[in-house]
Amino acid sequence: MNPLCRTLLSSLLAAGVCGAAHAQSTDSKWYGEIGLSQLNIKAEDGPLSAKARPGLLTGTIGYQWLPNLAVEGFVAGGVSKDEIKLNGVNTGIDAKIPSAYGIFFKPGIRLGERVELFGRVGYARTKLQLSAGGINVDETGDDVAYGLGLNVHLSRQSYLQANWMNYHDSDNIKVEGVGLVYGRRF
């Protein structure tokens, strides 16, 4: 795990422990999230289609700016790689997302006492690493990122989240994923 992800994970866990110890109310505007995402990377060029499905550890720090609008900072690091398949055939080339970060606006609406539907839109910078036989090639891209999700509140301070995100969609390369997240207000 890269040092940035390790630091974020430690910070979020410490915030969660401190939050539990102090038992703060739901009036807190700050929150942190940590989760895992299964990515789907697709690259197409005419009749050729390459696909890979690496894993990502995600971390988010957010501030509930208005009742239905939050601002978030996002970082992520790869936790697994996947072999690229070219038109369904293994290539011997592995794909991994070593890092990603971004900033988002997150509008949301409550659907009941415990459920919240939200969207995300903002900017993300994603680094893709391809490796084969000890040779690594890195490519970084910036793009508008967006997604949808659902929070299910476990208590006044914590929730579980399922989300879908599109991190990059340009130059015939698309990076999107689904994630499961644990969130906590602090």
C-alpha atoms as a PDB file:
ATOM      1  CA  MET A   1       0.000   0.000   0.000  1.00  0.00           C
ATOM      2  CA  ASN A   2       1.448   3.374  -0.908  1.00  0.00           C
ATOM      3  CA  PRO A   3       2.395   5.783   1.932  1.00  0.00           C
ATOM      4  CA  LEU A   4      -0.358   8.304   1.126  1.00  0.00           C
ATOM      5  CA  CYS A   5      -3.081   5.629   1.411  1.00  0.00           C
ATOM      6  CA  ARG A   6      -1.520   4.273   4.623  1.00  0.00           C
ATOM      7  CA  THR A   7      -1.525   7.778   6.143  1.00  0.00           C
ATOM      8  CA  LEU A   8      -5.130   8.428   5.085  1.00  0.00           C
ATOM      9  CA  LEU A   9      -6.278   5.064   6.440  1.00  0.00           C
ATOM     10  CA  SER A  10      -4.565   5.744   9.781  1.00  0.00           C
ATOM     11  CA  SER A  11      -6.088   9.233   9.978  1.00  0.00           C
ATOM     12  CA  LEU A  12      -9.601   8.005   9.209  1.00  0.00           C
ATOM     13  CA  LEU A  13      -9.367   5.184  11.735  1.00  0.00           C
ATOM     14  CA  ALA A  14      -8.072   7.596  14.389  1.00  0.00           C
ATOM     15  CA  ALA A  15     -10.909  10.015  13.616  1.00  0.00           C
ATOM     16  CA  GLY A  16     -13.421   7.180  13.918  1.00  0.00           C
ATOM     17  CA  VAL A  17     -12.014   6.078  17.295  1.00  0.00           C
ATOM     18  CA  CYS A  18     -11.966   9.665  18.587  1.00  0.00           C
ATOM     19  CA  GLY A  19     -15.496  10.231  17.294  1.00  0.00           C
ATOM     20  CA  ALA A  20     -16.743   7.103  19.041  1.00  0.00           C
ATOM     21  CA  ALA A  21     -15.017   8.099  22.279  1.00  0.00           C
ATOM     22  CA  HIS A  22     -16.565  11.558  22.273  1.00  0.00           C
ATOM     23  CA  ALA A  23     -19.988  10.462  20.929  1.00  0.00           C
ATOM     24  CA  GLN A  24     -20.644  13.675  19.055  1.00  0.00           C
ATOM     25  CA  SER A  25     -24.085  14.538  17.731  1.00  0.00           C
ATOM     26  CA  THR A  26     -25.341  14.544  14.146  1.00  0.00           C
ATOM     27  CA  ASP A  27     -24.766  18.314  14.054  1.00  0.00           C
ATOM     28  CA  SER A  28     -21.173  17.667  12.986  1.00  0.00           C
ATOM     29  CA  LYS A  29     -20.547  18.944   9.471  1.00  0.00           C
ATOM     30  CA  TRP A  30     -17.314  16.939   8.933  1.00  0.00           C
ATOM     31  CA  TYR A  31     -17.181  13.299   7.870  1.00  0.00           C
ATOM     32  CA  GLY A  32     -14.698  10.713   6.645  1.00  0.00           C
ATOM     33  CA  GLU A  33     -15.172   7.667   4.436  1.00  0.00           C
ATOM     34  CA  ILE A  34     -13.037   4.645   3.622  1.00  0.00           C
ATOM     35  CA  GLY A  35     -13.934   1.976   1.102  1.00  0.00           C
ATOM     36  CA  LEU A  36     -13.056  -0.485  -1.609  1.00  0.00           C
ATOM     37  CA  SER A  37     -13.928  -0.128  -5.284  1.00  0.00           C
ATOM     38  CA  GLN A  38     -13.855  -2.618  -8.124  1.00  0.00           C
ATOM     39  CA  LEU A  39     -12.802  -0.682 -11.229  1.00  0.00           C
ATOM     40  CA  ASN A  40     -13.553  -1.405 -14.846  1.00  0.00           C
ATOM     41  CA  ILE A  41     -10.948   0.016 -17.239  1.00  0.00           C
ATOM     42  CA  LYS A  42     -11.814  -0.028 -20.952  1.00  0.00           C
ATOM     43  CA  ALA A  43      -9.764   1.205 -23.886  1.00  0.00           C
ATOM     44  CA  GLU A  44     -11.064   1.012 -27.445  1.00  0.00           C
ATOM     45  CA  ASP A  45      -9.380   1.745 -30.758  1.00  0.00           C
ATOM     46  CA  GLY A  46     -11.400   0.659 -33.777  1.00  0.00           C
ATOM     47  CA  PRO A  47     -11.949  -3.103 -33.587  1.00  0.00           C
ATOM     48  CA  LEU A  48      -9.544  -3.507 -30.633  1.00  0.00           C
ATOM     49  CA  SER A  49     -10.908  -3.498 -27.098  1.00  0.00           C
ATOM     50  CA  ALA A  50      -8.784  -3.822 -23.945  1.00  0.00           C
ATOM     51  CA  LYS A  51     -10.279  -4.404 -20.490  1.00  0.00           C
ATOM     52  CA  ALA A  52      -9.017  -4.819 -16.920  1.00  0.00           C
ATOM     53  CA  ARG A  53     -10.634  -4.835 -13.450  1.00  0.00           C
ATOM     54  CA  PRO A  54      -8.178  -3.721 -10.711  1.00  0.00           C
ATOM     55  CA  GLY A  55      -9.160  -2.846  -7.122  1.00  0.00           C
ATOM     56  CA  LEU A  56      -8.922   0.511  -5.367  1.00  0.00           C
ATOM     57  CA  LEU A  57      -8.821   1.612  -1.704  1.00  0.00           C
ATOM     58  CA  THR A  58     -10.622   4.963  -1.380  1.00  0.00           C
ATOM     59  CA  GLY A  59     -10.664   7.673   1.268  1.00  0.00           C
ATOM     60  CA  THR A  60     -12.801  10.815   1.445  1.00  0.00           C
ATOM     61  CA  ILE A  61     -12.942  13.786   3.796  1.00  0.00           C
ATOM     62  CA  GLY A  62     -16.113  15.835   3.435  1.00  0.00           C
ATOM     63  CA  TYR A  63     -17.769  18.951   4.802  1.00  0.00           C
ATOM     64  CA  GLN A  64     -21.564  19.329   4.798  1.00  0.00           C
ATOM     65  CA  TRP A  65     -21.625  22.900   3.501  1.00  0.00           C
ATOM     66  CA  LEU A  66     -25.427  23.182   3.154  1.00  0.00           C
ATOM     67  CA  PRO A  67     -28.170  20.742   4.243  1.00  0.00           C
ATOM     68  CA  ASN A  68     -28.253  19.156   0.753  1.00  0.00           C
ATOM     69  CA  LEU A  69     -24.718  19.938  -0.487  1.00  0.00           C
ATOM     70  CA  ALA A  70     -21.294  18.743   0.667  1.00  0.00           C
ATOM     71  CA  VAL A  71     -17.757  19.382  -0.597  1.00  0.00           C
ATOM     72  CA  GLU A  72     -15.323  16.448  -0.618  1.00  0.00           C
ATOM     73  CA  GLY A  73     -11.646  15.717  -1.058  1.00  0.00           C
ATOM     74  CA  PHE A  74     -10.872  12.239  -2.395  1.00  0.00           C
ATOM     75  CA  VAL A  75      -7.705  10.091  -2.523  1.00  0.00           C
ATOM     76  CA  ALA A  76      -7.263   6.482  -3.596  1.00  0.00           C
ATOM     77  CA  GLY A  77      -4.603   3.878  -4.204  1.00  0.00           C
ATOM     78  CA  GLY A  78      -4.533   0.531  -5.955  1.00  0.00           C
ATOM     79  CA  VAL A  79      -4.894  -2.604  -3.833  1.00  0.00           C
ATOM     80  CA  SER A  80      -4.960  -5.117  -6.687  1.00  0.00           C
ATOM     81  CA  LYS A  81      -3.987  -5.354 -10.337  1.00  0.00           C
ATOM     82  CA  ASP A  82      -5.609  -7.266 -13.171  1.00  0.00           C
ATOM     83  CA  GLU A  83      -4.292  -8.702 -16.420  1.00  0.00           C
ATOM     84  CA  ILE A  84      -5.423  -6.789 -19.491  1.00  0.00           C
ATOM     85  CA  LYS A  85      -7.549  -8.752 -21.926  1.00  0.00           C
ATOM     86  CA  LEU A  86      -7.364  -7.649 -25.555  1.00  0.00           C
ATOM     87  CA  ASN A  87     -10.590  -8.669 -27.326  1.00  0.00           C
ATOM     88  CA  GLY A  88     -11.036 -11.258 -24.558  1.00  0.00           C
ATOM     89  CA  VAL A  89      -7.514 -12.744 -24.820  1.00  0.00           C
ATOM     90  CA  ASN A  90      -4.982 -12.445 -21.954  1.00  0.00           C
ATOM     91  CA  THR A  91      -2.008 -10.234 -22.841  1.00  0.00           C
ATOM     92  CA  GLY A  92       0.428 -10.789 -19.967  1.00  0.00           C
ATOM     93  CA  ILE A  93       0.222  -7.044 -19.204  1.00  0.00           C
ATOM     94  CA  ASP A  94      -1.091  -6.005 -15.778  1.00  0.00           C
ATOM     95  CA  ALA A  95      -3.081  -2.828 -15.131  1.00  0.00           C
ATOM     96  CA  LYS A  96      -3.213  -1.000 -11.795  1.00  0.00           C
ATOM     97  CA  ILE A  97      -4.341   2.419 -10.563  1.00  0.00           C
ATOM     98  CA  PRO A  98      -1.500   3.386  -8.163  1.00  0.00           C
ATOM     99  CA  SER A  99      -3.134   6.705  -7.274  1.00  0.00           C
ATOM    100  CA  ALA A 100      -6.129   8.924  -7.866  1.00  0.00           C
ATOM    101  CA  TYR A 101      -7.315  12.106  -6.222  1.00  0.00           C
ATOM    102  CA  GLY A 102     -10.016  14.668  -6.735  1.00  0.00           C
ATOM    103  CA  ILE A 103     -12.413  17.235  -5.366  1.00  0.00           C
ATOM    104  CA  PHE A 104     -16.191  16.929  -5.621  1.00  0.00           C
ATOM    105  CA  PHE A 105     -19.494  18.628  -4.967  1.00  0.00           C
ATOM    106  CA  LYS A 106     -21.967  16.137  -3.496  1.00  0.00           C
ATOM    107  CA  PRO A 107     -25.662  17.087  -3.654  1.00  0.00           C
ATOM    108  CA  GLY A 108     -27.947  14.731  -1.742  1.00  0.00           C
ATOM    109  CA  ILE A 109     -31.525  14.165  -0.689  1.00  0.00           C
ATOM    110  CA  ARG A 110     -32.933  12.115   2.180  1.00  0.00           C
ATOM    111  CA  LEU A 111     -35.333   9.367   1.157  1.00  0.00           C
ATOM    112  CA  GLY A 112     -36.359   8.572   4.710  1.00  0.00           C
ATOM    113  CA  GLU A 113     -35.020   8.424   8.259  1.00  0.00           C
ATOM    114  CA  ARG A 114     -31.991   6.271   7.378  1.00  0.00           C
ATOM    115  CA  VAL A 115     -31.502   6.478   3.591  1.00  0.00           C
ATOM    116  CA  GLU A 116     -29.891   9.223   1.508  1.00  0.00           C
ATOM    117  CA  LEU A 117     -29.465   9.356  -2.287  1.00  0.00           C
ATOM    118  CA  PHE A 118     -26.609  11.498  -3.615  1.00  0.00           C
ATOM    119  CA  GLY A 119     -24.670  12.481  -6.692  1.00  0.00           C
ATOM    120  CA  ARG A 120     -21.044  13.556  -7.098  1.00  0.00           C
ATOM    121  CA  VAL A 121     -19.480  15.810  -9.684  1.00  0.00           C
ATOM    122  CA  GLY A 122     -15.999  17.295  -9.786  1.00  0.00           C
ATOM    123  CA  TYR A 123     -12.450  16.800 -10.972  1.00  0.00           C
ATOM    124  CA  ALA A 124     -10.254  13.690 -10.700  1.00  0.00           C
ATOM    125  CA  ARG A 125      -6.654  12.956 -11.626  1.00  0.00           C
ATOM    126  CA  THR A 126      -6.055   9.249 -12.194  1.00  0.00           C
ATOM    127  CA  LYS A 127      -2.738   7.465 -12.735  1.00  0.00           C
ATOM    128  CA  LEU A 128      -2.749   4.190 -14.684  1.00  0.00           C
ATOM    129  CA  GLN A 129       0.239   1.846 -14.491  1.00  0.00           C
ATOM    130  CA  LEU A 130       0.848  -0.946 -17.009  1.00  0.00           C
ATOM    131  CA  SER A 131       3.498  -3.577 -16.252  1.00  0.00           C
ATOM    132  CA  ALA A 132       4.912  -6.649 -17.967  1.00  0.00           C
ATOM    133  CA  GLY A 133       8.205  -8.470 -17.521  1.00  0.00           C
ATOM    134  CA  GLY A 134       9.597  -5.903 -15.070  1.00  0.00           C
ATOM    135  CA  ILE A 135       8.811  -2.938 -17.340  1.00  0.00           C
ATOM    136  CA  ASN A 136       6.372  -0.301 -16.052  1.00  0.00           C
ATOM    137  CA  VAL A 137       4.634   2.400 -18.076  1.00  0.00           C
ATOM    138  CA  ASP A 138       2.663   5.143 -16.307  1.00  0.00           C
ATOM    139  CA  GLU A 139      -0.048   7.342 -17.800  1.00  0.00           C
ATOM    140  CA  THR A 140      -1.880  10.099 -15.919  1.00  0.00           C
ATOM    141  CA  GLY A 141      -5.136  11.735 -16.955  1.00  0.00           C
ATOM    142  CA  ASP A 142      -7.333  14.567 -15.655  1.00  0.00           C
ATOM    143  CA  ASP A 143     -11.050  14.575 -16.288  1.00  0.00           C
ATOM    144  CA  VAL A 144     -14.466  15.561 -15.021  1.00  0.00           C
ATOM    145  CA  ALA A 145     -15.597  12.803 -12.674  1.00  0.00           C
ATOM    146  CA  TYR A 146     -19.137  12.020 -11.568  1.00  0.00           C
ATOM    147  CA  GLY A 147     -21.210   9.370  -9.886  1.00  0.00           C
ATOM    148  CA  LEU A 148     -24.235   8.297  -7.853  1.00  0.00           C
ATOM    149  CA  GLY A 149     -24.621   6.592  -4.513  1.00  0.00           C
ATOM    150  CA  LEU A 150     -26.786   5.591  -1.603  1.00  0.00           C
ATOM    151  CA  ASN A 151     -26.022   6.018   2.126  1.00  0.00           C
ATOM    152  CA  VAL A 152     -27.748   3.791   4.677  1.00  0.00           C
ATOM    153  CA  HIS A 153     -27.297   5.233   8.170  1.00  0.00           C
ATOM    154  CA  LEU A 154     -26.400   2.723  10.893  1.00  0.00           C
ATOM    155  CA  SER A 155     -26.504   5.329  13.661  1.00  0.00           C
ATOM    156  CA  ARG A 156     -26.434   9.092  14.052  1.00  0.00           C
ATOM    157  CA  GLN A 157     -22.685   9.120  13.309  1.00  0.00           C
ATOM    158  CA  SER A 158     -22.035   6.186  10.930  1.00  0.00           C
ATOM    159  CA  TYR A 159     -23.304   4.841   7.629  1.00  0.00           C
ATOM    160  CA  LEU A 160     -22.651   2.344   4.864  1.00  0.00           C
ATOM    161  CA  GLN A 161     -22.525   3.473   1.255  1.00  0.00           C
ATOM    162  CA  ALA A 162     -22.788   1.861  -2.173  1.00  0.00           C
ATOM    163  CA  ASN A 163     -21.667   3.998  -5.108  1.00  0.00           C
ATOM    164  CA  TRP A 164     -20.849   4.077  -8.804  1.00  0.00           C
ATOM    165  CA  MET A 165     -18.202   6.518 -10.084  1.00  0.00           C
ATOM    166  CA  ASN A 166     -16.844   7.497 -13.495  1.00  0.00           C
ATOM    167  CA  TYR A 167     -13.270   8.713 -12.869  1.00  0.00           C
ATOM    168  CA  HIS A 168     -12.072   9.182 -16.454  1.00  0.00           C
ATOM    169  CA  ASP A 169     -13.723   9.091 -19.886  1.00  0.00           C
ATOM    170  CA  SER A 170     -11.595  10.578 -22.671  1.00  0.00           C
ATOM    171  CA  ASP A 171      -9.050   9.598 -25.338  1.00  0.00           C
ATOM    172  CA  ASN A 172     -10.922   6.280 -25.811  1.00  0.00           C
ATOM    173  CA  ILE A 173     -10.127   5.266 -22.201  1.00  0.00           C
ATOM    174  CA  LYS A 174     -12.860   4.866 -19.598  1.00  0.00           C
ATOM    175  CA  VAL A 175     -12.259   4.215 -15.876  1.00  0.00           C
ATOM    176  CA  GLU A 176     -15.333   3.584 -13.755  1.00  0.00           C
ATOM    177  CA  GLY A 177     -16.124   1.520 -10.708  1.00  0.00           C
ATOM    178  CA  VAL A 178     -18.524   0.431  -7.999  1.00  0.00           C
ATOM    179  CA  GLY A 179     -17.635   0.790  -4.341  1.00  0.00           C
ATOM    180  CA  LEU A 180     -18.636  -0.178  -0.828  1.00  0.00           C
ATOM    181  CA  VAL A 181     -17.781   2.430   1.814  1.00  0.00           C
ATOM    182  CA  TYR A 182     -17.961   2.971   5.564  1.00  0.00           C
ATOM    183  CA  GLY A 183     -18.545   6.591   6.605  1.00  0.00           C
ATOM    184  CA  ARG A 184     -18.436   8.388   9.940  1.00  0.00           C
ATOM    185  CA  ARG A 185     -19.233  11.935  11.102  1.00  0.00           C
ATOM    186  CA  PHE A 186     -16.708  13.480  13.475  1.00  0.00           C
END
